[in-house]
Amino acid sequence: MKRQIRRNIFETNSSSTHSLIICSEEEFKAWEKGEIYFDEYGKEKFISNTGINEYDKEMAEMDYEKNKNKFQKNWRDLSKDAKQEYYLKYAKENGIINEDIKTYEEYMDDYSLETFVQRYISKSGDKIVVFGKYGID
């Protein structure tokens, strides 16, 4: 039997899932506010939410109006947050941005795994946030 050793890999023989992300308090707050997104399955990093240009926003508005049902509000009656949410949905569905990026709410509302957030201050005074997911997947 051949034994393979991989460097920098932690692996268990279980079906449990663990993720641990460390970032600055500043980044985490920007993510909570919707100013940036988290690329969960890509490079596990934060990315700007400016990947959606004005043309893409116009196309998203047209898509919303074309596909809404009679019980949904008109585009002009949606809140700014609802429009932002639709821009993101449209951009993911149409390959404008990576479909794996997550808003704070999308990441934390994982029904199959538990999520956690812990805040710390390092010895040098840096404010950091540790967050992630765990559970049986």
N, C-alpha and C. Protein backbone atom coordinates (compact mmCIF):
# COMPACT_ATOMS: atom_id res chain seq x y z
N MET A 1 0.83 -1.17 0.00
CA MET A 1 0.00 0.00 0.00
C MET A 1 0.88 1.24 0.00
N LYS A 2 0.57 2.14 -0.90
CA LYS A 2 1.33 3.37 -1.03
C LYS A 2 0.77 4.42 -0.09
N ARG A 3 1.62 5.12 0.61
CA ARG A 3 1.21 6.19 1.52
C ARG A 3 1.57 7.52 0.89
N GLN A 4 0.58 8.43 0.86
CA GLN A 4 0.80 9.74 0.28
C GLN A 4 0.73 10.78 1.39
N ILE A 5 1.71 11.66 1.42
CA ILE A 5 1.74 12.74 2.41
C ILE A 5 1.61 14.06 1.66
N ARG A 6 0.59 14.81 2.03
CA ARG A 6 0.38 16.12 1.41
C ARG A 6 0.68 17.20 2.44
N ARG A 7 1.43 18.17 2.05
CA ARG A 7 1.81 19.25 2.96
C ARG A 7 0.67 20.27 3.08
N ASN A 8 0.57 20.88 4.28
CA ASN A 8 -0.38 21.95 4.56
C ASN A 8 -1.84 21.54 4.40
N ILE A 9 -2.13 20.29 4.59
CA ILE A 9 -3.50 19.77 4.47
C ILE A 9 -3.89 19.14 5.80
N PHE A 10 -5.06 19.51 6.31
CA PHE A 10 -5.63 18.86 7.48
C PHE A 10 -6.79 18.03 7.00
N GLU A 11 -6.75 16.75 7.26
CA GLU A 11 -7.79 15.87 6.75
C GLU A 11 -8.20 14.89 7.83
N THR A 12 -9.50 14.68 7.95
CA THR A 12 -10.00 13.67 8.88
C THR A 12 -10.75 12.62 8.09
N ASN A 13 -10.99 11.52 8.73
CA ASN A 13 -11.73 10.44 8.08
C ASN A 13 -13.19 10.50 8.56
N SER A 14 -13.78 11.67 8.46
CA SER A 14 -15.17 11.82 8.91
C SER A 14 -15.94 12.64 7.89
N SER A 15 -17.23 12.69 8.08
CA SER A 15 -18.06 13.46 7.16
C SER A 15 -18.38 14.84 7.72
N SER A 16 -17.64 15.25 8.74
CA SER A 16 -17.90 16.57 9.31
C SER A 16 -17.22 17.65 8.48
N THR A 17 -17.74 18.87 8.61
CA THR A 17 -17.23 20.02 7.88
C THR A 17 -16.76 21.06 8.87
N HIS A 18 -15.64 21.68 8.56
CA HIS A 18 -15.09 22.73 9.41
C HIS A 18 -14.52 23.82 8.51
N SER A 19 -14.82 25.05 8.80
CA SER A 19 -14.16 26.15 8.10
C SER A 19 -13.85 27.23 9.12
N LEU A 20 -12.74 27.89 8.92
CA LEU A 20 -12.30 28.93 9.84
C LEU A 20 -11.69 30.05 9.00
N ILE A 21 -12.25 31.24 9.11
CA ILE A 21 -11.77 32.39 8.36
C ILE A 21 -11.42 33.48 9.35
N ILE A 22 -10.30 34.13 9.13
CA ILE A 22 -9.85 35.22 10.00
C ILE A 22 -9.73 36.48 9.15
N CYS A 23 -10.32 37.56 9.63
CA CYS A 23 -10.24 38.82 8.90
C CYS A 23 -10.19 39.98 9.90
N SER A 24 -9.99 41.16 9.38
CA SER A 24 -10.00 42.35 10.23
C SER A 24 -11.44 42.71 10.60
N GLU A 25 -11.60 43.39 11.71
CA GLU A 25 -12.92 43.88 12.11
C GLU A 25 -13.50 44.80 11.03
N GLU A 26 -12.63 45.60 10.42
CA GLU A 26 -13.05 46.53 9.37
C GLU A 26 -13.65 45.79 8.17
N GLU A 27 -12.97 44.73 7.72
CA GLU A 27 -13.50 43.93 6.60
C GLU A 27 -14.83 43.29 6.97
N PHE A 28 -14.90 42.74 8.18
CA PHE A 28 -16.11 42.05 8.60
C PHE A 28 -17.30 43.01 8.65
N LYS A 29 -17.09 44.21 9.18
CA LYS A 29 -18.17 45.20 9.24
C LYS A 29 -18.62 45.61 7.84
N ALA A 30 -17.67 45.77 6.92
CA ALA A 30 -18.02 46.12 5.54
C ALA A 30 -18.85 45.00 4.91
N TRP A 31 -18.51 43.76 5.23
CA TRP A 31 -19.27 42.61 4.72
C TRP A 31 -20.68 42.60 5.29
N GLU A 32 -20.80 42.86 6.59
CA GLU A 32 -22.12 42.91 7.22
C GLU A 32 -23.00 43.99 6.57
N LYS A 33 -22.39 45.11 6.20
CA LYS A 33 -23.13 46.23 5.60
C LYS A 33 -23.43 46.02 4.12
N GLY A 34 -22.87 44.97 3.52
CA GLY A 34 -23.08 44.71 2.10
C GLY A 34 -22.15 45.47 1.18
N GLU A 35 -21.09 46.05 1.74
CA GLU A 35 -20.15 46.82 0.94
C GLU A 35 -19.18 45.92 0.19
N ILE A 36 -18.96 44.71 0.68
CA ILE A 36 -18.11 43.72 0.03
C ILE A 36 -18.79 42.35 0.15
N TYR A 37 -18.31 41.39 -0.64
CA TYR A 37 -18.83 40.03 -0.62
C TYR A 37 -17.71 39.07 -0.23
N PHE A 38 -18.10 37.85 0.16
CA PHE A 38 -17.13 36.82 0.51
C PHE A 38 -17.18 35.71 -0.53
N ASP A 39 -16.04 35.39 -1.11
CA ASP A 39 -15.95 34.31 -2.10
C ASP A 39 -15.70 33.02 -1.33
N GLU A 40 -16.78 32.33 -1.00
CA GLU A 40 -16.71 31.17 -0.11
C GLU A 40 -15.92 30.00 -0.68
N TYR A 41 -16.13 29.67 -1.93
CA TYR A 41 -15.50 28.48 -2.48
C TYR A 41 -14.38 28.78 -3.45
N GLY A 42 -14.16 30.02 -3.74
CA GLY A 42 -13.07 30.40 -4.64
C GLY A 42 -11.78 30.45 -3.86
N LYS A 43 -11.34 31.63 -3.60
CA LYS A 43 -10.08 31.81 -2.88
C LYS A 43 -10.32 32.18 -1.43
N GLU A 44 -11.56 32.03 -0.97
CA GLU A 44 -11.92 32.37 0.41
C GLU A 44 -11.38 33.74 0.79
N LYS A 45 -11.83 34.72 0.05
CA LYS A 45 -11.40 36.09 0.33
C LYS A 45 -12.57 37.03 0.08
N PHE A 46 -12.42 38.25 0.55
CA PHE A 46 -13.44 39.27 0.32
C PHE A 46 -13.17 39.94 -1.02
N ILE A 47 -14.27 40.28 -1.70
CA ILE A 47 -14.14 40.95 -2.99
C ILE A 47 -15.08 42.15 -3.02
N SER A 48 -14.77 43.08 -3.85
CA SER A 48 -15.58 44.30 -3.99
C SER A 48 -16.95 43.96 -4.57
N ASN A 49 -17.95 44.71 -4.18
CA ASN A 49 -19.28 44.50 -4.76
C ASN A 49 -19.51 45.40 -5.96
N THR A 50 -18.43 46.00 -6.47
CA THR A 50 -18.57 46.91 -7.61
C THR A 50 -18.43 46.19 -8.95
N GLY A 51 -18.47 44.85 -8.96
CA GLY A 51 -18.35 44.10 -10.20
C GLY A 51 -19.57 44.22 -11.09
N ILE A 52 -20.61 44.88 -10.61
CA ILE A 52 -21.84 45.02 -11.38
C ILE A 52 -21.92 46.46 -11.87
N ASN A 53 -21.80 46.64 -13.18
CA ASN A 53 -21.79 48.01 -13.72
C ASN A 53 -23.22 48.50 -14.00
N GLU A 54 -23.33 49.73 -14.47
CA GLU A 54 -24.64 50.35 -14.70
C GLU A 54 -25.45 49.60 -15.77
N TYR A 55 -24.77 49.12 -16.80
CA TYR A 55 -25.47 48.36 -17.84
C TYR A 55 -26.07 47.08 -17.24
N ASP A 56 -25.28 46.38 -16.41
CA ASP A 56 -25.77 45.16 -15.76
C ASP A 56 -26.97 45.46 -14.87
N LYS A 57 -26.94 46.61 -14.21
CA LYS A 57 -28.06 47.00 -13.35
C LYS A 57 -29.33 47.25 -14.19
N GLU A 58 -29.16 47.90 -15.34
CA GLU A 58 -30.30 48.13 -16.22
C GLU A 58 -30.88 46.81 -16.72
N MET A 59 -29.98 45.88 -17.06
CA MET A 59 -30.43 44.56 -17.53
C MET A 59 -31.14 43.80 -16.42
N ALA A 60 -30.65 43.94 -15.19
CA ALA A 60 -31.29 43.28 -14.05
C ALA A 60 -32.69 43.84 -13.83
N GLU A 61 -32.82 45.15 -13.95
CA GLU A 61 -34.14 45.78 -13.80
C GLU A 61 -35.12 45.27 -14.86
N MET A 62 -34.65 45.19 -16.09
CA MET A 62 -35.50 44.68 -17.17
C MET A 62 -35.87 43.22 -16.91
N ASP A 63 -34.92 42.44 -16.44
CA ASP A 63 -35.17 41.03 -16.13
C ASP A 63 -36.21 40.89 -15.02
N TYR A 64 -36.09 41.72 -14.00
CA TYR A 64 -37.04 41.68 -12.89
C TYR A 64 -38.46 41.98 -13.39
N GLU A 65 -38.59 43.07 -14.13
CA GLU A 65 -39.92 43.48 -14.61
C GLU A 65 -40.51 42.42 -15.55
N LYS A 66 -39.67 41.82 -16.36
CA LYS A 66 -40.13 40.81 -17.31
C LYS A 66 -40.60 39.54 -16.60
N ASN A 67 -39.96 39.18 -15.50
CA ASN A 67 -40.22 37.90 -14.84
C ASN A 67 -41.02 37.97 -13.55
N LYS A 68 -41.38 39.17 -13.10
CA LYS A 68 -42.13 39.25 -11.85
C LYS A 68 -43.55 38.74 -12.05
N ASN A 69 -44.12 38.26 -10.95
CA ASN A 69 -45.52 37.83 -11.05
C ASN A 69 -46.42 38.98 -10.59
N LYS A 70 -47.70 38.78 -10.67
CA LYS A 70 -48.64 39.87 -10.38
C LYS A 70 -48.67 40.27 -8.91
N PHE A 71 -48.06 39.47 -8.05
CA PHE A 71 -48.05 39.79 -6.62
C PHE A 71 -46.78 40.51 -6.18
N GLN A 72 -45.82 40.65 -7.08
CA GLN A 72 -44.57 41.33 -6.74
C GLN A 72 -44.68 42.83 -7.02
N LYS A 73 -43.88 43.59 -6.29
CA LYS A 73 -43.85 45.04 -6.47
C LYS A 73 -43.20 45.38 -7.80
N ASN A 74 -43.50 46.58 -8.28
CA ASN A 74 -42.79 47.12 -9.43
C ASN A 74 -41.37 47.47 -9.00
N TRP A 75 -40.45 47.49 -9.95
CA TRP A 75 -39.05 47.77 -9.65
C TRP A 75 -38.89 49.09 -8.89
N ARG A 76 -39.57 50.13 -9.35
CA ARG A 76 -39.42 51.45 -8.72
C ARG A 76 -39.89 51.47 -7.27
N ASP A 77 -40.71 50.49 -6.88
CA ASP A 77 -41.23 50.42 -5.51
C ASP A 77 -40.37 49.58 -4.57
N LEU A 78 -39.34 48.93 -5.11
CA LEU A 78 -38.46 48.12 -4.28
C LEU A 78 -37.53 49.01 -3.45
N SER A 79 -37.15 48.53 -2.29
CA SER A 79 -36.18 49.26 -1.47
C SER A 79 -34.79 49.16 -2.11
N LYS A 80 -33.90 50.01 -1.68
CA LYS A 80 -32.52 49.98 -2.19
C LYS A 80 -31.89 48.62 -1.90
N ASP A 81 -32.13 48.08 -0.71
CA ASP A 81 -31.57 46.77 -0.35
C ASP A 81 -32.13 45.66 -1.23
N ALA A 82 -33.41 45.71 -1.52
CA ALA A 82 -34.03 44.69 -2.38
C ALA A 82 -33.44 44.76 -3.79
N LYS A 83 -33.21 45.97 -4.28
CA LYS A 83 -32.60 46.12 -5.61
C LYS A 83 -31.19 45.56 -5.61
N GLN A 84 -30.41 45.86 -4.56
CA GLN A 84 -29.04 45.34 -4.46
C GLN A 84 -29.05 43.81 -4.45
N GLU A 85 -30.00 43.25 -3.73
CA GLU A 85 -30.12 41.79 -3.66
C GLU A 85 -30.43 41.21 -5.05
N TYR A 86 -31.29 41.89 -5.78
CA TYR A 86 -31.63 41.40 -7.12
C TYR A 86 -30.46 41.57 -8.08
N TYR A 87 -29.72 42.68 -7.97
CA TYR A 87 -28.53 42.85 -8.81
C TYR A 87 -27.58 41.68 -8.62
N LEU A 88 -27.36 41.30 -7.35
CA LEU A 88 -26.45 40.20 -7.05
C LEU A 88 -26.98 38.89 -7.63
N LYS A 89 -28.25 38.62 -7.43
CA LYS A 89 -28.86 37.39 -7.96
C LYS A 89 -28.71 37.35 -9.48
N TYR A 90 -29.03 38.44 -10.14
CA TYR A 90 -28.94 38.51 -11.59
C TYR A 90 -27.50 38.30 -12.06
N ALA A 91 -26.55 38.95 -11.39
CA ALA A 91 -25.14 38.85 -11.78
C ALA A 91 -24.62 37.42 -11.60
N LYS A 92 -25.04 36.73 -10.55
CA LYS A 92 -24.63 35.33 -10.35
C LYS A 92 -25.22 34.44 -11.43
N GLU A 93 -26.51 34.59 -11.69
CA GLU A 93 -27.20 33.74 -12.66
C GLU A 93 -26.70 33.94 -14.08
N ASN A 94 -26.17 35.11 -14.39
CA ASN A 94 -25.74 35.42 -15.74
C ASN A 94 -24.22 35.44 -15.90
N GLY A 95 -23.51 34.90 -14.93
CA GLY A 95 -22.06 34.76 -15.04
C GLY A 95 -21.29 36.06 -15.00
N ILE A 96 -21.91 37.12 -14.52
CA ILE A 96 -21.22 38.41 -14.43
C ILE A 96 -20.22 38.38 -13.28
N ILE A 97 -20.62 37.75 -12.20
CA ILE A 97 -19.73 37.54 -11.06
C ILE A 97 -19.81 36.08 -10.64
N ASN A 98 -18.83 35.64 -9.89
CA ASN A 98 -18.74 34.25 -9.44
C ASN A 98 -19.97 33.88 -8.63
N GLU A 99 -20.59 32.78 -8.96
CA GLU A 99 -21.82 32.35 -8.26
C GLU A 99 -21.57 31.93 -6.82
N ASP A 100 -20.31 31.75 -6.43
CA ASP A 100 -20.00 31.32 -5.07
C ASP A 100 -19.84 32.47 -4.09
N ILE A 101 -19.89 33.72 -4.55
CA ILE A 101 -19.75 34.81 -3.60
C ILE A 101 -21.00 34.92 -2.75
N LYS A 102 -20.80 35.31 -1.51
CA LYS A 102 -21.89 35.34 -0.55
C LYS A 102 -21.96 36.70 0.14
N THR A 103 -23.19 37.14 0.34
CA THR A 103 -23.40 38.26 1.24
C THR A 103 -23.28 37.71 2.66
N TYR A 104 -23.24 38.58 3.63
CA TYR A 104 -23.19 38.14 5.02
C TYR A 104 -24.39 37.26 5.34
N GLU A 105 -25.57 37.70 4.93
CA GLU A 105 -26.80 36.95 5.22
C GLU A 105 -26.78 35.58 4.55
N GLU A 106 -26.34 35.51 3.29
CA GLU A 106 -26.30 34.23 2.59
C GLU A 106 -25.35 33.25 3.28
N TYR A 107 -24.21 33.76 3.72
CA TYR A 107 -23.23 32.88 4.38
C TYR A 107 -23.76 32.38 5.72
N MET A 108 -24.32 33.27 6.50
CA MET A 108 -24.76 32.92 7.85
C MET A 108 -26.06 32.12 7.88
N ASP A 109 -26.88 32.21 6.85
CA ASP A 109 -28.14 31.47 6.80
C ASP A 109 -27.96 30.12 6.13
N ASP A 110 -27.00 29.35 6.60
CA ASP A 110 -26.74 28.01 6.06
C ASP A 110 -27.55 27.03 6.88
N TYR A 111 -28.51 26.38 6.24
CA TYR A 111 -29.42 25.50 6.97
C TYR A 111 -28.82 24.14 7.26
N SER A 112 -27.73 23.79 6.60
CA SER A 112 -27.15 22.47 6.84
C SER A 112 -25.98 22.50 7.81
N LEU A 113 -25.41 23.68 8.07
CA LEU A 113 -24.26 23.79 8.96
C LEU A 113 -24.47 24.91 9.98
N GLU A 114 -23.80 24.78 11.10
CA GLU A 114 -23.80 25.84 12.13
C GLU A 114 -22.77 26.88 11.74
N THR A 115 -23.05 28.13 12.04
CA THR A 115 -22.10 29.21 11.79
C THR A 115 -21.70 29.84 13.12
N PHE A 116 -20.54 30.49 13.12
CA PHE A 116 -20.09 31.16 14.34
C PHE A 116 -19.31 32.42 13.98
N VAL A 117 -19.28 33.34 14.93
CA VAL A 117 -18.51 34.58 14.81
C VAL A 117 -17.91 34.88 16.17
N GLN A 118 -16.62 35.10 16.22
CA GLN A 118 -15.93 35.48 17.46
C GLN A 118 -15.04 36.67 17.16
N ARG A 119 -15.05 37.63 18.06
CA ARG A 119 -14.21 38.81 17.91
C ARG A 119 -13.08 38.78 18.94
N TYR A 120 -11.90 39.23 18.51
CA TYR A 120 -10.73 39.23 19.37
C TYR A 120 -9.93 40.51 19.16
N ILE A 121 -9.12 40.83 20.14
CA ILE A 121 -8.13 41.90 20.01
C ILE A 121 -6.78 41.25 20.28
N SER A 122 -5.88 41.37 19.29
CA SER A 122 -4.57 40.75 19.42
C SER A 122 -3.72 41.50 20.45
N LYS A 123 -2.60 40.93 20.83
CA LYS A 123 -1.69 41.57 21.78
C LYS A 123 -1.20 42.92 21.26
N SER A 124 -1.12 43.05 19.95
CA SER A 124 -0.67 44.32 19.37
C SER A 124 -1.81 45.31 19.16
N GLY A 125 -3.04 44.91 19.56
CA GLY A 125 -4.18 45.82 19.48
C GLY A 125 -5.01 45.71 18.21
N ASP A 126 -4.67 44.76 17.34
CA ASP A 126 -5.44 44.57 16.11
C ASP A 126 -6.79 43.94 16.45
N LYS A 127 -7.85 44.50 15.87
CA LYS A 127 -9.18 43.93 16.06
C LYS A 127 -9.43 42.94 14.93
N ILE A 128 -9.65 41.68 15.29
CA ILE A 128 -9.87 40.64 14.28
C ILE A 128 -11.17 39.91 14.56
N VAL A 129 -11.70 39.30 13.52
CA VAL A 129 -12.90 38.50 13.62
C VAL A 129 -12.60 37.13 13.05
N VAL A 130 -13.03 36.10 13.78
CA VAL A 130 -12.90 34.72 13.32
C VAL A 130 -14.32 34.21 13.10
N PHE A 131 -14.56 33.68 11.90
CA PHE A 131 -15.89 33.15 11.62
C PHE A 131 -15.77 31.89 10.78
N GLY A 132 -16.86 31.15 10.71
CA GLY A 132 -16.82 29.94 9.90
C GLY A 132 -18.06 29.11 10.07
N LYS A 133 -17.95 27.85 9.64
CA LYS A 133 -19.05 26.89 9.68
C LYS A 133 -18.53 25.56 10.22
N TYR A 134 -19.45 24.81 10.80
CA TYR A 134 -19.11 23.47 11.24
C TYR A 134 -20.34 22.60 11.29
N GLY A 135 -20.13 21.32 11.33
CA GLY A 135 -21.26 20.39 11.41
C GLY A 135 -21.08 19.22 10.50
N ILE A 136 -22.12 18.43 10.38
CA ILE A 136 -22.09 17.25 9.52
C ILE A 136 -22.74 17.63 8.20
N ASP A 137 -21.98 17.47 7.14
CA ASP A 137 -22.45 17.86 5.81
C ASP A 137 -22.94 16.65 5.05
